Amino acid sequence: MQFVFDGHNDVLLRLWTHERDGGDPVAEFSNGTDLGHIDAPRAKAGGLAGGLCAIYVPSGDLVFADPDKNGHYVTPLAAPLEPLSSLSIATEMAAIALRLDRAGAWRLCRTVKDIRKAIADGVFAAVMHMEGCEAIGPDLAALEVFHAAGLRSLGPVWSRHNIFGHGVPFAFPMSPDTAPGLTEAGFGLVRECNRLGILIDLAHITEKGFWDVAKTTDQPLVASHSNAHALTPVARNLTDKQLDAIRESGGLVGVNYATAMLRGDGRSDADTPISDMVRHINYLVERVGINCVALGSDFDGATIPEEIGDAAGNQKLIAALQRVGYGAQDLEKLASGNWLRILALAWGEEAA
């Protein structure tokens, strides 16, 4: 079995939501459930050894638009979030991550050495990520606290605007050049992440924001869960020019399993073949090179191909890649090695 380290999931959102309804997040993750995509038993069954687990404050007002007669759609951006409630929710999700760690349900990892040790011990290797930084104020004091709690990766924005920058909408077909980029506070956030050794994730940010980060950061450019705009022209995917910049920086693209970002028609439809995933991986490998492509499933945050189903189905993608000619060394890079290399660079460790 090929171990997978995944660049993005929303399991903390699912566990937080169920806890609000009276559930036990530790029991749900440890013992397994038929809900969502990830828990410890399904991760083990599918070789999912770990991943970046997002703290994401949901937008209650977001309603996805239906396609028009041409199959086109534009979902208006969610409204900006209120800072204090965002901080409260993000803290609750971080607390769940810490409780899972204390219970031994997963291991909260702060270094690549931690990740490798957790995988060797057969424990899910979780890295705390933040998707949209509404919980962090302009003074960045909360960033210091979340970093102390284990935060090692963040995306300045989700698909909404905040004090740090601007997000892209869920829209097809559309360029990612939809709004301004980083604010002055956003430039400060990037510099502080560089100082602390927090990976900066370019998923969900506008194209102008992408270039603002590129000219400011000292890290390789990373989009944790994005695909090729040339194949699926949704605003969330990356243009060839962006991909070239990622290649030149020695960065990484994590292939998103979300069907709306895989299909040629941009539809969210579970009846999407694994071959669409392979098509994007092939394109990205050709464009940026085998060392700059990885996986960023968006488990528990998107409609994924029914053939994959959940975390237990990861090996079906690995098998499909084997069938089209990827060898053992390349599969190891795609499945986990490239993520560990990038994290080591972003976190200021020796190259993994």
Protein backbone atom coordinates (compact mmCIF):
# COMPACT_ATOMS: atom_id res chain seq x y z
CA MET A 1 0.00 0.00 0.00
CA GLN A 2 1.27 3.48 -0.92
CA PHE A 3 1.01 5.80 2.07
CA VAL A 4 -0.68 9.15 1.34
CA PHE A 5 -0.05 12.46 3.10
CA ASP A 6 -2.83 14.77 2.01
CA GLY A 7 -2.65 18.54 1.65
CA HIS A 8 -6.17 19.51 2.70
CA ASN A 9 -9.21 18.20 4.55
CA ASP A 10 -12.10 19.67 6.54
CA VAL A 11 -12.56 16.92 9.11
CA LEU A 12 -12.32 19.44 11.97
CA LEU A 13 -15.34 21.29 10.56
CA ARG A 14 -17.34 18.06 10.49
CA LEU A 15 -16.31 17.08 14.01
CA TRP A 16 -17.06 20.58 15.33
CA THR A 17 -20.48 20.59 13.68
CA HIS A 18 -21.40 17.21 15.14
CA GLU A 19 -20.11 18.19 18.59
CA ARG A 20 -22.51 21.14 18.53
CA ASP A 21 -25.27 18.59 17.95
CA GLY A 22 -24.13 16.52 20.95
CA GLY A 23 -21.53 14.28 19.30
CA ASP A 24 -18.16 13.18 20.67
CA PRO A 25 -15.43 14.18 18.20
CA VAL A 26 -12.81 11.87 19.71
CA ALA A 27 -15.10 8.84 19.52
CA GLU A 28 -16.29 9.76 16.02
CA PHE A 29 -12.76 10.00 14.66
CA SER A 30 -11.29 7.09 16.62
CA ASN A 31 -14.08 4.54 16.21
CA GLY A 32 -15.26 5.53 12.77
CA THR A 33 -18.57 6.65 11.30
CA ASP A 34 -20.50 6.44 8.05
CA LEU A 35 -20.56 10.23 7.88
CA GLY A 36 -18.25 12.35 5.76
CA HIS A 37 -14.92 11.17 4.42
CA ILE A 38 -12.26 10.81 7.12
CA ASP A 39 -11.89 8.93 10.38
CA ALA A 40 -9.09 6.75 11.72
CA PRO A 41 -10.42 3.38 10.44
CA ARG A 42 -11.11 4.66 6.92
CA ALA A 43 -7.80 6.51 6.80
CA LYS A 44 -5.95 3.32 7.73
CA ALA A 45 -7.91 1.30 5.17
CA GLY A 46 -6.99 3.72 2.38
CA GLY A 47 -3.39 4.34 3.38
CA LEU A 48 -4.12 7.94 4.39
CA ALA A 49 -1.29 8.42 6.85
CA GLY A 50 -1.95 12.07 7.64
CA GLY A 51 -2.61 15.50 6.27
CA LEU A 52 -3.25 19.19 6.76
CA CYS A 53 -6.44 19.52 8.83
CA ALA A 54 -8.18 22.84 8.35
CA ILE A 55 -9.65 25.17 10.91
CA TYR A 56 -12.34 26.72 8.71
CA VAL A 57 -15.04 29.07 10.00
CA PRO A 58 -18.12 28.36 7.85
CA SER A 59 -20.15 30.97 6.02
CA GLY A 60 -23.80 30.45 6.87
CA ASP A 61 -25.04 32.68 4.05
CA LEU A 62 -23.35 30.89 1.13
CA VAL A 63 -25.76 29.37 -1.40
CA PHE A 64 -24.18 27.73 -4.44
CA ALA A 65 -25.64 28.97 -7.72
CA ASP A 66 -27.26 26.59 -10.19
CA PRO A 67 -25.80 26.43 -13.71
CA ASP A 68 -27.64 28.37 -16.40
CA LYS A 69 -28.71 26.85 -19.75
CA ASN A 70 -25.09 27.01 -20.94
CA GLY A 71 -23.78 25.26 -17.82
CA HIS A 72 -22.27 28.48 -16.49
CA TYR A 73 -22.60 29.67 -12.89
CA VAL A 74 -21.35 32.36 -10.54
CA THR A 75 -21.84 31.94 -6.80
CA PRO A 76 -21.57 35.36 -5.12
CA LEU A 77 -18.85 35.61 -2.53
CA ALA A 78 -19.85 34.91 1.04
CA ALA A 79 -20.12 37.96 3.26
CA PRO A 80 -17.14 38.87 5.46
CA LEU A 81 -17.21 37.26 8.90
CA GLU A 82 -17.37 38.92 12.30
CA PRO A 83 -13.95 38.65 14.00
CA LEU A 84 -14.93 37.74 17.58
CA SER A 85 -17.26 34.89 16.62
CA SER A 86 -14.67 33.67 14.12
CA LEU A 87 -12.03 33.56 16.84
CA SER A 88 -14.40 31.64 19.11
CA ILE A 89 -15.18 29.00 16.46
CA ALA A 90 -11.55 28.66 15.41
CA THR A 91 -10.52 28.19 19.04
CA GLU A 92 -13.15 25.47 19.45
CA MET A 93 -11.79 23.63 16.41
CA ALA A 94 -8.21 23.96 17.64
CA ALA A 95 -9.37 22.53 20.97
CA ILE A 96 -10.81 19.49 19.16
CA ALA A 97 -7.46 18.99 17.41
CA LEU A 98 -5.67 19.11 20.76
CA ARG A 99 -8.15 16.71 22.38
CA LEU A 100 -7.68 14.21 19.56
CA ASP A 101 -3.94 14.46 20.13
CA ARG A 102 -4.21 13.93 23.90
CA ALA A 103 -6.51 10.94 23.37
CA GLY A 104 -4.08 9.34 20.92
CA ALA A 105 -6.68 9.44 18.14
CA TRP A 106 -4.20 11.31 15.98
CA ARG A 107 -0.84 12.99 16.55
CA LEU A 108 -0.63 16.74 16.11
CA CYS A 109 2.64 17.27 14.25
CA ARG A 110 4.79 20.40 14.30
CA THR A 111 7.81 19.09 12.37
CA VAL A 112 8.43 16.70 9.49
CA LYS A 113 10.22 14.50 12.02
CA ASP A 114 6.94 14.36 13.97
CA ILE A 115 5.07 13.37 10.81
CA ARG A 116 7.51 10.59 9.96
CA LYS A 117 7.38 9.27 13.53
CA ALA A 118 3.57 9.26 13.59
CA ILE A 119 3.44 7.39 10.28
CA ALA A 120 5.98 4.86 11.53
CA ASP A 121 3.87 4.36 14.67
CA GLY A 122 0.68 3.89 12.65
CA VAL A 123 -0.96 7.05 14.04
CA PHE A 124 -2.69 9.62 11.82
CA ALA A 125 -0.25 12.53 11.38
CA ALA A 126 -2.32 15.73 11.62
CA VAL A 127 -0.97 19.19 10.86
CA MET A 128 -3.07 22.13 12.03
CA HIS A 129 -3.98 24.44 9.13
CA MET A 130 -6.18 27.55 9.00
CA GLU A 131 -8.32 28.17 5.91
CA GLY A 132 -9.16 31.87 5.92
CA CYS A 133 -7.73 34.00 8.73
CA GLU A 134 -10.85 35.76 10.04
CA ALA A 135 -9.90 34.54 13.54
CA ILE A 136 -6.68 36.57 13.44
CA GLY A 137 -6.69 40.32 14.03
CA PRO A 138 -4.44 42.92 12.40
CA ASP A 139 -2.10 42.89 15.40
CA LEU A 140 -1.43 39.18 14.67
CA ALA A 141 -1.51 38.36 18.40
CA ALA A 142 -3.85 35.41 17.77
CA LEU A 143 -1.41 34.08 15.18
CA GLU A 144 1.20 33.70 17.92
CA VAL A 145 -1.28 31.81 20.09
CA PHE A 146 -2.43 29.47 17.32
CA HIS A 147 1.20 28.85 16.36
CA ALA A 148 1.95 27.88 19.96
CA ALA A 149 -1.02 25.47 19.79
CA GLY A 150 0.42 23.82 16.69
CA LEU A 151 -0.65 25.90 13.67
CA ARG A 152 1.90 25.29 10.90
CA SER A 153 0.01 26.22 7.72
CA LEU A 154 -2.56 28.83 6.71
CA GLY A 155 -4.36 30.33 3.75
CA PRO A 156 -4.90 34.08 4.25
CA VAL A 157 -8.37 33.92 2.69
CA TRP A 158 -11.15 31.51 1.82
CA SER A 159 -13.62 32.39 -0.98
CA ARG A 160 -14.62 35.64 0.73
CA HIS A 161 -12.81 38.86 1.57
CA ASN A 162 -11.20 39.67 4.91
CA ILE A 163 -8.75 42.15 6.38
CA PHE A 164 -5.81 40.33 4.78
CA GLY A 165 -6.98 39.97 1.20
CA HIS A 166 -9.55 38.83 -1.33
CA GLY A 167 -10.87 35.42 -2.28
CA VAL A 168 -12.13 34.06 -5.59
CA PRO A 169 -15.77 33.01 -6.08
CA PHE A 170 -17.02 29.56 -7.03
CA ALA A 171 -17.68 30.30 -10.69
CA PHE A 172 -17.45 28.62 -14.11
CA PRO A 173 -16.04 29.64 -16.48
CA MET A 174 -14.05 32.43 -14.85
CA SER A 175 -10.49 33.67 -14.48
CA PRO A 176 -8.98 33.80 -10.96
CA ASP A 177 -8.26 37.49 -11.62
CA THR A 178 -11.47 38.63 -9.94
CA ALA A 179 -10.52 41.23 -7.30
CA PRO A 180 -7.57 42.98 -5.63
CA GLY A 181 -4.88 41.03 -3.82
CA LEU A 182 -3.34 41.39 -0.38
CA THR A 183 -4.07 44.34 1.86
CA GLU A 184 -1.30 46.00 3.88
CA ALA A 185 -2.30 43.72 6.76
CA GLY A 186 -2.00 40.78 4.37
CA PHE A 187 1.59 41.65 3.48
CA GLY A 188 2.32 41.81 7.21
CA LEU A 189 0.71 38.40 7.72
CA VAL A 190 2.92 36.87 5.02
CA ARG A 191 6.07 38.31 6.56
CA GLU A 192 5.11 37.07 10.03
CA CYS A 193 4.37 33.59 8.69
CA ASN A 194 7.83 33.58 7.14
CA ARG A 195 9.32 34.53 10.50
CA LEU A 196 7.39 31.88 12.43
CA GLY A 197 7.80 29.14 9.84
CA ILE A 198 4.12 28.81 8.89
CA LEU A 199 3.40 27.54 5.38
CA ILE A 200 1.40 30.00 3.24
CA ASP A 201 -1.34 28.38 1.14
CA LEU A 202 -2.48 30.11 -2.06
CA ALA A 203 -5.69 28.14 -2.54
CA HIS A 204 -8.78 30.43 -2.68
CA ILE A 205 -6.82 33.68 -3.17
CA THR A 206 -7.26 35.92 -6.20
CA GLU A 207 -4.63 35.95 -8.93
CA LYS A 208 -3.45 39.38 -7.81
CA GLY A 209 -3.15 38.00 -4.28
CA PHE A 210 -1.12 35.08 -5.63
CA TRP A 211 1.39 37.48 -7.18
CA ASP A 212 1.45 39.64 -4.05
CA VAL A 213 2.42 36.61 -1.97
CA ALA A 214 4.96 35.53 -4.60
CA LYS A 215 6.82 38.85 -4.41
CA THR A 216 6.77 38.91 -0.58
CA THR A 217 7.35 35.40 0.73
CA ASP A 218 10.65 33.60 1.17
CA GLN A 219 8.90 30.22 0.85
CA PRO A 220 8.16 28.11 -2.23
CA LEU A 221 4.69 28.84 -3.64
CA VAL A 222 2.05 26.31 -2.57
CA ALA A 223 -1.60 25.81 -3.54
CA SER A 224 -2.75 22.99 -1.29
CA HIS A 225 -5.95 22.01 -3.12
CA SER A 226 -6.19 23.41 -6.63
CA ASN A 227 -6.18 22.05 -10.17
CA ALA A 228 -5.41 23.18 -13.73
CA HIS A 229 -7.47 26.08 -15.07
CA ALA A 230 -6.57 25.03 -18.62
CA LEU A 231 -8.60 21.83 -18.12
CA THR A 232 -11.37 23.09 -15.81
CA PRO A 233 -11.72 26.89 -15.98
CA VAL A 234 -13.24 27.53 -12.57
CA ALA A 235 -11.98 30.60 -10.74
CA ARG A 236 -10.47 28.39 -8.02
CA ASN A 237 -8.05 26.65 -10.40
CA LEU A 238 -4.56 27.81 -11.38
CA THR A 239 -3.61 29.36 -14.71
CA ASP A 240 -0.57 28.16 -16.61
CA LYS A 241 1.25 31.36 -15.63
CA GLN A 242 0.60 30.63 -11.95
CA LEU A 243 1.72 27.03 -12.42
CA ASP A 244 4.94 28.21 -14.04
CA ALA A 245 5.63 30.44 -11.02
CA ILE A 246 5.06 27.49 -8.68
CA ARG A 247 7.51 25.41 -10.71
CA GLU A 248 10.13 28.16 -10.71
CA SER A 249 9.86 28.54 -6.92
CA GLY A 250 10.19 24.79 -6.36
CA GLY A 251 6.71 24.82 -4.85
CA LEU A 252 3.73 22.49 -5.00
CA VAL A 253 0.17 21.99 -6.25
CA GLY A 254 -2.08 19.61 -4.31
CA VAL A 255 -4.62 18.02 -6.66
CA ASN A 256 -8.15 18.68 -5.39
CA TYR A 257 -10.66 15.80 -5.55
CA ALA A 258 -13.60 18.24 -5.76
CA THR A 259 -15.49 17.23 -8.89
CA ALA A 260 -16.32 20.84 -9.86
CA MET A 261 -12.57 21.46 -10.13
CA LEU A 262 -11.91 18.28 -12.14
CA ARG A 263 -14.66 18.09 -14.75
CA GLY A 264 -14.50 19.88 -18.08
CA ASP A 265 -18.00 21.26 -17.44
CA GLY A 266 -17.24 22.51 -13.91
CA ARG A 267 -20.18 20.63 -12.38
CA SER A 268 -20.34 19.31 -8.84
CA ASP A 269 -21.31 15.70 -9.60
CA ALA A 270 -20.12 12.58 -7.79
CA ASP A 271 -20.56 10.65 -11.04
CA THR A 272 -17.11 11.81 -12.12
CA PRO A 273 -14.53 9.21 -13.19
CA ILE A 274 -11.11 8.82 -11.62
CA SER A 275 -9.74 9.39 -15.12
CA ASP A 276 -10.55 13.10 -14.67
CA MET A 277 -8.25 13.13 -11.63
CA VAL A 278 -5.53 11.38 -13.63
CA ARG A 279 -6.00 13.90 -16.45
CA HIS A 280 -5.27 16.81 -14.11
CA ILE A 281 -2.31 15.04 -12.50
CA ASN A 282 -0.81 14.30 -15.92
CA TYR A 283 -1.24 17.92 -17.01
CA LEU A 284 0.28 19.28 -13.81
CA VAL A 285 3.22 16.87 -13.89
CA GLU A 286 3.94 17.91 -17.48
CA ARG A 287 3.66 21.61 -16.62
CA VAL A 288 5.46 21.84 -13.25
CA GLY A 289 7.35 18.54 -12.95
CA ILE A 290 6.90 15.43 -10.82
CA ASN A 291 8.53 17.08 -7.78
CA CYS A 292 5.89 19.84 -7.60
CA VAL A 293 2.64 17.83 -7.66
CA ALA A 294 0.91 16.18 -4.69
CA LEU A 295 -2.59 15.47 -3.39
CA GLY A 296 -4.99 17.89 -1.68
CA SER A 297 -8.22 15.93 -1.45
CA ASP A 298 -10.60 18.41 0.22
CA PHE A 299 -12.11 15.42 2.04
CA ASP A 300 -15.09 16.48 4.19
CA GLY A 301 -15.26 19.75 2.28
CA ALA A 302 -16.38 18.89 -1.25
CA THR A 303 -18.26 16.50 -3.52
CA ILE A 304 -15.65 13.94 -4.60
CA PRO A 305 -15.81 11.17 -7.23
CA GLU A 306 -18.08 8.32 -6.17
CA GLU A 307 -15.38 5.85 -7.24
CA ILE A 308 -13.15 7.24 -4.48
CA GLY A 309 -16.00 7.58 -1.98
CA ASP A 310 -13.98 8.53 1.08
CA ALA A 311 -10.51 8.16 2.60
CA ALA A 312 -10.70 4.38 2.26
CA GLY A 313 -10.72 4.80 -1.54
CA ASN A 314 -7.37 6.58 -1.91
CA GLN A 315 -5.63 3.48 -3.24
CA LYS A 316 -7.99 3.46 -6.25
CA LEU A 317 -6.34 6.68 -7.40
CA ILE A 318 -2.88 5.20 -6.79
CA ALA A 319 -3.84 2.13 -8.85
CA ALA A 320 -5.14 4.34 -11.67
CA LEU A 321 -1.84 6.22 -11.72
CA GLN A 322 0.07 2.94 -11.83
CA ARG A 323 -1.99 1.82 -14.82
CA VAL A 324 -0.98 4.88 -16.84
CA GLY A 325 2.70 4.35 -16.14
CA TYR A 326 3.69 6.07 -12.91
CA GLY A 327 6.43 4.05 -11.21
CA ALA A 328 7.11 3.49 -7.53
CA GLN A 329 9.43 6.49 -7.08
CA ASP A 330 7.04 8.92 -8.75
CA LEU A 331 4.05 7.56 -6.83
CA GLU A 332 5.89 8.07 -3.55
CA LYS A 333 6.55 11.70 -4.48
CA LEU A 334 2.95 12.34 -5.52
CA ALA A 335 1.45 10.57 -2.52
CA SER A 336 3.58 11.96 0.29
CA GLY A 337 7.21 12.80 -0.50
CA ASN A 338 6.61 16.14 -2.17
CA TRP A 339 4.49 17.39 0.73
CA LEU A 340 7.15 16.41 3.26
CA ARG A 341 9.82 18.21 1.20
CA ILE A 342 7.76 21.41 1.03
CA LEU A 343 6.85 21.37 4.71
CA ALA A 344 10.49 20.93 5.67
CA LEU A 345 11.43 23.97 3.58
CA ALA A 346 8.58 26.13 4.91
CA TRP A 347 9.26 25.12 8.50
CA GLY A 348 13.01 25.79 8.25
CA GLU A 349 14.06 22.16 8.72
CA GLU A 350 16.67 20.23 6.79
CA ALA A 351 15.36 19.13 3.40
CA ALA A 352 13.28 16.00 3.93
